[in-house]
Amino acid sequence: MTDEYNILFGRRLAEIRKEKGVAQDKLALKCDIARSFVGEVERGKRNLSLRNICKLAIGLEVTTAELLSLIDEEISKEKS
């Protein structure tokens, strides 16, 4: 399931970033992380630490809950 969660998180990150009109390189700079890392996260290729989830939320000016919303939905489905 980890890979699926990474993909869902990446999809949500990209969705929010694009809605806000923020380029990957600008987000990376704001969060003090590599642009390549942002791209890998958006493609579901990276496991994230809580610290990096928080950095991305701060950089996008959203809550961590907003970033994790697709994962929450998937967990709810699995419980049903």
PDB file of N, CA and C in Angstrom:
ATOM      1  N   MET A   1       0.793  -1.204   0.000  1.00  0.00           N
ATOM      2  CA  MET A   1       0.000   0.000   0.000  1.00  0.00           C
ATOM      3  C   MET A   1       0.836   1.270   0.000  1.00  0.00           C
ATOM      4  N   THR A   2       2.054   1.181   0.468  1.00  0.00           N
ATOM      5  CA  THR A   2       2.890   2.379   0.554  1.00  0.00           C
ATOM      6  C   THR A   2       3.005   3.072  -0.795  1.00  0.00           C
ATOM      7  N   ASP A   3       3.258   2.300  -1.851  1.00  0.00           N
ATOM      8  CA  ASP A   3       3.391   2.910  -3.173  1.00  0.00           C
ATOM      9  C   ASP A   3       2.111   3.633  -3.576  1.00  0.00           C
ATOM     10  N   GLU A   4       0.977   3.014  -3.283  1.00  0.00           N
ATOM     11  CA  GLU A   4      -0.301   3.638  -3.624  1.00  0.00           C
ATOM     12  C   GLU A   4      -0.469   4.958  -2.863  1.00  0.00           C
ATOM     13  N   TYR A   5      -0.088   4.978  -1.604  1.00  0.00           N
ATOM     14  CA  TYR A   5      -0.183   6.204  -0.812  1.00  0.00           C
ATOM     15  C   TYR A   5       0.760   7.270  -1.353  1.00  0.00           C
ATOM     16  N   ASN A   6       1.950   6.863  -1.769  1.00  0.00           N
ATOM     17  CA  ASN A   6       2.893   7.824  -2.362  1.00  0.00           C
ATOM     18  C   ASN A   6       2.306   8.437  -3.629  1.00  0.00           C
ATOM     19  N   ILE A   7       1.669   7.616  -4.437  1.00  0.00           N
ATOM     20  CA  ILE A   7       1.058   8.098  -5.682  1.00  0.00           C
ATOM     21  C   ILE A   7      -0.082   9.064  -5.375  1.00  0.00           C
ATOM     22  N   LEU A   8      -0.920   8.713  -4.412  1.00  0.00           N
ATOM     23  CA  LEU A   8      -2.037   9.590  -4.040  1.00  0.00           C
ATOM     24  C   LEU A   8      -1.536  10.913  -3.480  1.00  0.00           C
ATOM     25  N   PHE A   9      -0.508  10.855  -2.638  1.00  0.00           N
ATOM     26  CA  PHE A   9       0.042  12.091  -2.081  1.00  0.00           C
ATOM     27  C   PHE A   9       0.613  12.956  -3.197  1.00  0.00           C
ATOM     28  N   GLY A  10       1.359  12.342  -4.094  1.00  0.00           N
ATOM     29  CA  GLY A  10       1.958  13.081  -5.203  1.00  0.00           C
ATOM     30  C   GLY A  10       0.922  13.718  -6.103  1.00  0.00           C
ATOM     31  N   ARG A  11      -0.143  12.984  -6.359  1.00  0.00           N
ATOM     32  CA  ARG A  11      -1.228  13.509  -7.192  1.00  0.00           C
ATOM     33  C   ARG A  11      -1.850  14.740  -6.527  1.00  0.00           C
ATOM     34  N   ARG A  12      -2.077  14.648  -5.225  1.00  0.00           N
ATOM     35  CA  ARG A  12      -2.686  15.772  -4.501  1.00  0.00           C
ATOM     36  C   ARG A  12      -1.740  16.961  -4.441  1.00  0.00           C
ATOM     37  N   LEU A  13      -0.458  16.699  -4.215  1.00  0.00           N
ATOM     38  CA  LEU A  13       0.534  17.774  -4.179  1.00  0.00           C
ATOM     39  C   LEU A  13       0.545  18.525  -5.508  1.00  0.00           C
ATOM     40  N   ALA A  14       0.608  17.790  -6.599  1.00  0.00           N
ATOM     41  CA  ALA A  14       0.627  18.414  -7.928  1.00  0.00           C
ATOM     42  C   ALA A  14      -0.652  19.208  -8.183  1.00  0.00           C
ATOM     43  N   GLU A  15      -1.780  18.646  -7.774  1.00  0.00           N
ATOM     44  CA  GLU A  15      -3.068  19.313  -7.969  1.00  0.00           C
ATOM     45  C   GLU A  15      -3.100  20.663  -7.245  1.00  0.00           C
ATOM     46  N   ILE A  16      -2.711  20.657  -5.986  1.00  0.00           N
ATOM     47  CA  ILE A  16      -2.718  21.901  -5.203  1.00  0.00           C
ATOM     48  C   ILE A  16      -1.706  22.891  -5.767  1.00  0.00           C
ATOM     49  N   ARG A  17      -0.522  22.404  -6.089  1.00  0.00           N
ATOM     50  CA  ARG A  17       0.532  23.285  -6.611  1.00  0.00           C
ATOM     51  C   ARG A  17       0.065  23.976  -7.886  1.00  0.00           C
ATOM     52  N   LYS A  18      -0.544  23.218  -8.785  1.00  0.00           N
ATOM     53  CA  LYS A  18      -1.018  23.788 -10.047  1.00  0.00           C
ATOM     54  C   LYS A  18      -2.183  24.750  -9.830  1.00  0.00           C
ATOM     55  N   GLU A  19      -3.098  24.398  -8.917  1.00  0.00           N
ATOM     56  CA  GLU A  19      -4.218  25.299  -8.603  1.00  0.00           C
ATOM     57  C   GLU A  19      -3.714  26.652  -8.121  1.00  0.00           C
ATOM     58  N   LYS A  20      -2.612  26.633  -7.395  1.00  0.00           N
ATOM     59  CA  LYS A  20      -2.053  27.864  -6.844  1.00  0.00           C
ATOM     60  C   LYS A  20      -1.103  28.553  -7.820  1.00  0.00           C
ATOM     61  N   GLY A  21      -0.854  27.920  -8.969  1.00  0.00           N
ATOM     62  CA  GLY A  21       0.008  28.516  -9.983  1.00  0.00           C
ATOM     63  C   GLY A  21       1.466  28.595  -9.580  1.00  0.00           C
ATOM     64  N   VAL A  22       1.919  27.606  -8.820  1.00  0.00           N
ATOM     65  CA  VAL A  22       3.298  27.586  -8.330  1.00  0.00           C
ATOM     66  C   VAL A  22       4.092  26.549  -9.123  1.00  0.00           C
ATOM     67  N   ALA A  23       5.209  26.955  -9.694  1.00  0.00           N
ATOM     68  CA  ALA A  23       6.080  26.031 -10.424  1.00  0.00           C
ATOM     69  C   ALA A  23       6.844  25.154  -9.432  1.00  0.00           C
ATOM     70  N   GLN A  24       7.245  23.969  -9.886  1.00  0.00           N
ATOM     71  CA  GLN A  24       8.005  23.065  -9.022  1.00  0.00           C
ATOM     72  C   GLN A  24       9.253  23.729  -8.460  1.00  0.00           C
ATOM     73  N   ASP A  25       9.974  24.458  -9.299  1.00  0.00           N
ATOM     74  CA  ASP A  25      11.217  25.075  -8.821  1.00  0.00           C
ATOM     75  C   ASP A  25      10.954  26.145  -7.770  1.00  0.00           C
ATOM     76  N   LYS A  26       9.858  26.884  -7.903  1.00  0.00           N
ATOM     77  CA  LYS A  26       9.510  27.916  -6.910  1.00  0.00           C
ATOM     78  C   LYS A  26       9.117  27.270  -5.586  1.00  0.00           C
ATOM     79  N   LEU A  27       8.352  26.188  -5.662  1.00  0.00           N
ATOM     80  CA  LEU A  27       7.968  25.475  -4.442  1.00  0.00           C
ATOM     81  C   LEU A  27       9.200  24.899  -3.755  1.00  0.00           C
ATOM     82  N   ALA A  28      10.070  24.302  -4.538  1.00  0.00           N
ATOM     83  CA  ALA A  28      11.294  23.724  -3.976  1.00  0.00           C
ATOM     84  C   ALA A  28      12.126  24.780  -3.267  1.00  0.00           C
ATOM     85  N   LEU A  29      12.274  25.923  -3.895  1.00  0.00           N
ATOM     86  CA  LEU A  29      13.044  27.016  -3.302  1.00  0.00           C
ATOM     87  C   LEU A  29      12.408  27.480  -1.994  1.00  0.00           C
ATOM     88  N   LYS A  30      11.104  27.644  -2.018  1.00  0.00           N
ATOM     89  CA  LYS A  30      10.379  28.099  -0.831  1.00  0.00           C
ATOM     90  C   LYS A  30      10.480  27.092   0.321  1.00  0.00           C
ATOM     91  N   CYS A  31      10.557  25.805  -0.016  1.00  0.00           N
ATOM     92  CA  CYS A  31      10.594  24.744   0.996  1.00  0.00           C
ATOM     93  C   CYS A  31      12.006  24.291   1.346  1.00  0.00           C
ATOM     94  N   ASP A  32      12.999  24.851   0.657  1.00  0.00           N
ATOM     95  CA  ASP A  32      14.396  24.463   0.864  1.00  0.00           C
ATOM     96  C   ASP A  32      14.619  22.973   0.594  1.00  0.00           C
ATOM     97  N   ILE A  33      14.064  22.525  -0.541  1.00  0.00           N
ATOM     98  CA  ILE A  33      14.275  21.160  -1.004  1.00  0.00           C
ATOM     99  C   ILE A  33      14.611  21.218  -2.493  1.00  0.00           C
ATOM    100  N   ALA A  34      15.124  20.129  -3.027  1.00  0.00           N
ATOM    101  CA  ALA A  34      15.514  20.090  -4.440  1.00  0.00           C
ATOM    102  C   ALA A  34      14.283  20.010  -5.344  1.00  0.00           C
ATOM    103  N   ARG A  35      14.343  20.665  -6.501  1.00  0.00           N
ATOM    104  CA  ARG A  35      13.246  20.607  -7.462  1.00  0.00           C
ATOM    105  C   ARG A  35      13.005  19.168  -7.904  1.00  0.00           C
ATOM    106  N   SER A  36      14.092  18.420  -8.070  1.00  0.00           N
ATOM    107  CA  SER A  36      13.954  17.023  -8.484  1.00  0.00           C
ATOM    108  C   SER A  36      13.179  16.214  -7.443  1.00  0.00           C
ATOM    109  N   PHE A  37      13.342  16.572  -6.176  1.00  0.00           N
ATOM    110  CA  PHE A  37      12.611  15.903  -5.101  1.00  0.00           C
ATOM    111  C   PHE A  37      11.111  16.152  -5.252  1.00  0.00           C
ATOM    112  N   VAL A  38      10.737  17.393  -5.535  1.00  0.00           N
ATOM    113  CA  VAL A  38       9.319  17.730  -5.733  1.00  0.00           C
ATOM    114  C   VAL A  38       8.754  16.898  -6.886  1.00  0.00           C
ATOM    115  N   GLY A  39       9.487  16.823  -7.980  1.00  0.00           N
ATOM    116  CA  GLY A  39       9.038  16.040  -9.131  1.00  0.00           C
ATOM    117  C   GLY A  39       8.876  14.566  -8.802  1.00  0.00           C
ATOM    118  N   GLU A  40       9.826  14.018  -8.058  1.00  0.00           N
ATOM    119  CA  GLU A  40       9.750  12.605  -7.675  1.00  0.00           C
ATOM    120  C   GLU A  40       8.573  12.351  -6.741  1.00  0.00           C
ATOM    121  N   VAL A  41       8.324  13.278  -5.833  1.00  0.00           N
ATOM    122  CA  VAL A  41       7.170  13.152  -4.932  1.00  0.00           C
ATOM    123  C   VAL A  41       5.886  13.169  -5.752  1.00  0.00           C
ATOM    124  N   GLU A  42       5.782  14.101  -6.685  1.00  0.00           N
ATOM    125  CA  GLU A  42       4.566  14.210  -7.499  1.00  0.00           C
ATOM    126  C   GLU A  42       4.340  12.972  -8.360  1.00  0.00           C
ATOM    127  N   ARG A  43       5.390  12.268  -8.708  1.00  0.00           N
ATOM    128  CA  ARG A  43       5.264  11.034  -9.493  1.00  0.00           C
ATOM    129  C   ARG A  43       5.113   9.801  -8.605  1.00  0.00           C
ATOM    130  N   GLY A  44       5.075  10.000  -7.289  1.00  0.00           N
ATOM    131  CA  GLY A  44       4.902   8.880  -6.362  1.00  0.00           C
ATOM    132  C   GLY A  44       6.138   8.042  -6.169  1.00  0.00           C
ATOM    133  N   LYS A  45       7.296   8.607  -6.481  1.00  0.00           N
ATOM    134  CA  LYS A  45       8.553   7.858  -6.419  1.00  0.00           C
ATOM    135  C   LYS A  45       9.311   8.032  -5.103  1.00  0.00           C
ATOM    136  N   ARG A  46       8.793   8.848  -4.195  1.00  0.00           N
ATOM    137  CA  ARG A  46       9.504   9.147  -2.946  1.00  0.00           C
ATOM    138  C   ARG A  46       8.636   8.893  -1.733  1.00  0.00           C
ATOM    139  N   ASN A  47       9.254   8.344  -0.698  1.00  0.00           N
ATOM    140  CA  ASN A  47       8.629   8.311   0.620  1.00  0.00           C
ATOM    141  C   ASN A  47       8.959   9.632   1.283  1.00  0.00           C
ATOM    142  N   LEU A  48       7.999  10.188   1.969  1.00  0.00           N
ATOM    143  CA  LEU A  48       8.228  11.486   2.605  1.00  0.00           C
ATOM    144  C   LEU A  48       8.304  11.355   4.113  1.00  0.00           C
ATOM    145  N   SER A  49       9.138  12.182   4.692  1.00  0.00           N
ATOM    146  CA  SER A  49       9.162  12.304   6.144  1.00  0.00           C
ATOM    147  C   SER A  49       8.070  13.290   6.544  1.00  0.00           C
ATOM    148  N   LEU A  50       7.689  13.235   7.793  1.00  0.00           N
ATOM    149  CA  LEU A  50       6.712  14.194   8.304  1.00  0.00           C
ATOM    150  C   LEU A  50       7.235  15.615   8.131  1.00  0.00           C
ATOM    151  N   ARG A  51       8.525  15.781   8.319  1.00  0.00           N
ATOM    152  CA  ARG A  51       9.137  17.104   8.162  1.00  0.00           C
ATOM    153  C   ARG A  51       8.911  17.654   6.748  1.00  0.00           C
ATOM    154  N   ASN A  52       9.130  16.818   5.739  1.00  0.00           N
ATOM    155  CA  ASN A  52       8.948  17.285   4.360  1.00  0.00           C
ATOM    156  C   ASN A  52       7.481  17.521   4.016  1.00  0.00           C
ATOM    157  N   ILE A  53       6.584  16.723   4.584  1.00  0.00           N
ATOM    158  CA  ILE A  53       5.155  16.976   4.379  1.00  0.00           C
ATOM    159  C   ILE A  53       4.806  18.349   4.940  1.00  0.00           C
ATOM    160  N   CYS A  54       5.321  18.645   6.125  1.00  0.00           N
ATOM    161  CA  CYS A  54       5.062  19.952   6.743  1.00  0.00           C
ATOM    162  C   CYS A  54       5.673  21.087   5.927  1.00  0.00           C
ATOM    163  N   LYS A  55       6.894  20.899   5.426  1.00  0.00           N
ATOM    164  CA  LYS A  55       7.533  21.931   4.594  1.00  0.00           C
ATOM    165  C   LYS A  55       6.696  22.228   3.358  1.00  0.00           C
ATOM    166  N   LEU A  56       6.200  21.177   2.716  1.00  0.00           N
ATOM    167  CA  LEU A  56       5.390  21.361   1.509  1.00  0.00           C
ATOM    168  C   LEU A  56       4.071  22.059   1.826  1.00  0.00           C
ATOM    169  N   ALA A  57       3.456  21.696   2.935  1.00  0.00           N
ATOM    170  CA  ALA A  57       2.208  22.353   3.338  1.00  0.00           C
ATOM    171  C   ALA A  57       2.446  23.838   3.590  1.00  0.00           C
ATOM    172  N   ILE A  58       3.508  24.156   4.292  1.00  0.00           N
ATOM    173  CA  ILE A  58       3.839  25.559   4.567  1.00  0.00           C
ATOM    174  C   ILE A  58       4.132  26.295   3.261  1.00  0.00           C
ATOM    175  N   GLY A  59       4.904  25.659   2.385  1.00  0.00           N
ATOM    176  CA  GLY A  59       5.252  26.284   1.111  1.00  0.00           C
ATOM    177  C   GLY A  59       4.044  26.578   0.240  1.00  0.00           C
ATOM    178  N   LEU A  60       3.032  25.734   0.335  1.00  0.00           N
ATOM    179  CA  LEU A  60       1.813  25.922  -0.462  1.00  0.00           C
ATOM    180  C   LEU A  60       0.720  26.663   0.305  1.00  0.00           C
ATOM    181  N   GLU A  61       1.011  26.970   1.552  1.00  0.00           N
ATOM    182  CA  GLU A  61       0.048  27.669   2.415  1.00  0.00           C
ATOM    183  C   GLU A  61      -1.264  26.905   2.532  1.00  0.00           C
ATOM    184  N   VAL A  62      -1.136  25.601   2.806  1.00  0.00           N
ATOM    185  CA  VAL A  62      -2.283  24.734   3.052  1.00  0.00           C
ATOM    186  C   VAL A  62      -2.001  23.930   4.319  1.00  0.00           C
ATOM    187  N   THR A  63      -3.003  23.219   4.790  1.00  0.00           N
ATOM    188  CA  THR A  63      -2.800  22.354   5.945  1.00  0.00           C
ATOM    189  C   THR A  63      -2.251  21.005   5.484  1.00  0.00           C
ATOM    190  N   THR A  64      -1.641  20.304   6.411  1.00  0.00           N
ATOM    191  CA  THR A  64      -1.180  18.954   6.085  1.00  0.00           C
ATOM    192  C   THR A  64      -2.386  18.073   5.754  1.00  0.00           C
ATOM    193  N   ALA A  65      -3.516  18.331   6.393  1.00  0.00           N
ATOM    194  CA  ALA A  65      -4.732  17.562   6.105  1.00  0.00           C
ATOM    195  C   ALA A  65      -5.145  17.708   4.642  1.00  0.00           C
ATOM    196  N   GLU A  66      -4.989  18.902   4.097  1.00  0.00           N
ATOM    197  CA  GLU A  66      -5.325  19.108   2.680  1.00  0.00           C
ATOM    198  C   GLU A  66      -4.413  18.276   1.783  1.00  0.00           C
ATOM    199  N   LEU A  67      -3.144  18.199   2.140  1.00  0.00           N
ATOM    200  CA  LEU A  67      -2.209  17.404   1.341  1.00  0.00           C
ATOM    201  C   LEU A  67      -2.504  15.908   1.452  1.00  0.00           C
ATOM    202  N   LEU A  68      -3.007  15.491   2.585  1.00  0.00           N
ATOM    203  CA  LEU A  68      -3.237  14.067   2.833  1.00  0.00           C
ATOM    204  C   LEU A  68      -4.666  13.624   2.523  1.00  0.00           C
ATOM    205  N   SER A  69      -5.477  14.504   1.983  1.00  0.00           N
ATOM    206  CA  SER A  69      -6.903  14.207   1.810  1.00  0.00           C
ATOM    207  C   SER A  69      -7.179  12.984   0.934  1.00  0.00           C
ATOM    208  N   LEU A  70      -6.439  12.786  -0.134  1.00  0.00           N
ATOM    209  CA  LEU A  70      -6.680  11.614  -0.987  1.00  0.00           C
ATOM    210  C   LEU A  70      -6.333  10.323  -0.263  1.00  0.00           C
ATOM    211  N   ILE A  71      -5.322  10.368   0.576  1.00  0.00           N
ATOM    212  CA  ILE A  71      -4.946   9.190   1.363  1.00  0.00           C
ATOM    213  C   ILE A  71      -6.040   8.898   2.382  1.00  0.00           C
ATOM    214  N   ASP A  72      -6.559   9.935   3.030  1.00  0.00           N
ATOM    215  CA  ASP A  72      -7.655   9.752   3.985  1.00  0.00           C
ATOM    216  C   ASP A  72      -8.860   9.098   3.315  1.00  0.00           C
ATOM    217  N   GLU A  73      -9.182   9.539   2.108  1.00  0.00           N
ATOM    218  CA  GLU A  73     -10.308   8.956   1.372  1.00  0.00           C
ATOM    219  C   GLU A  73     -10.065   7.478   1.092  1.00  0.00           C
ATOM    220  N   GLU A  74      -8.847   7.135   0.705  1.00  0.00           N
ATOM    221  CA  GLU A  74      -8.510   5.742   0.412  1.00  0.00           C
ATOM    222  C   GLU A  74      -8.604   4.883   1.667  1.00  0.00           C
ATOM    223  N   ILE A  75      -8.125   5.395   2.783  1.00  0.00           N
ATOM    224  CA  ILE A  75      -8.202   4.648   4.040  1.00  0.00           C
ATOM    225  C   ILE A  75      -9.661   4.419   4.425  1.00  0.00           C
ATOM    226  N   SER A  76     -10.498   5.413   4.232  1.00  0.00           N
ATOM    227  CA  SER A  76     -11.930   5.269   4.531  1.00  0.00           C
ATOM    228  C   SER A  76     -12.557   4.172   3.677  1.00  0.00           C
ATOM    229  N   LYS A  77     -12.176   4.107   2.405  1.00  0.00           N
ATOM    230  CA  LYS A  77     -12.692   3.059   1.514  1.00  0.00           C
ATOM    231  C   LYS A  77     -12.254   1.683   1.989  1.00  0.00           C
ATOM    232  N   GLU A  78     -10.988   1.582   2.426  1.00  0.00           N
ATOM    233  CA  GLU A  78     -10.455   0.298   2.873  1.00  0.00           C
ATOM    234  C   GLU A  78     -11.168  -0.195   4.128  1.00  0.00           C
ATOM    235  N   LYS A  79     -11.595   0.726   4.966  1.00  0.00           N
ATOM    236  CA  LYS A  79     -12.296   0.356   6.197  1.00  0.00           C
ATOM    237  C   LYS A  79     -13.705  -0.147   5.918  1.00  0.00           C
ATOM    238  N   SER A  80     -14.285   0.303   4.809  1.00  0.00           N
ATOM    239  CA  SER A  80     -15.684  -0.060   4.485  1.00  0.00           C
ATOM    240  C   SER A  80     -15.810  -1.483   4.022  1.00  0.00           C
TER     241      SER A  80
END
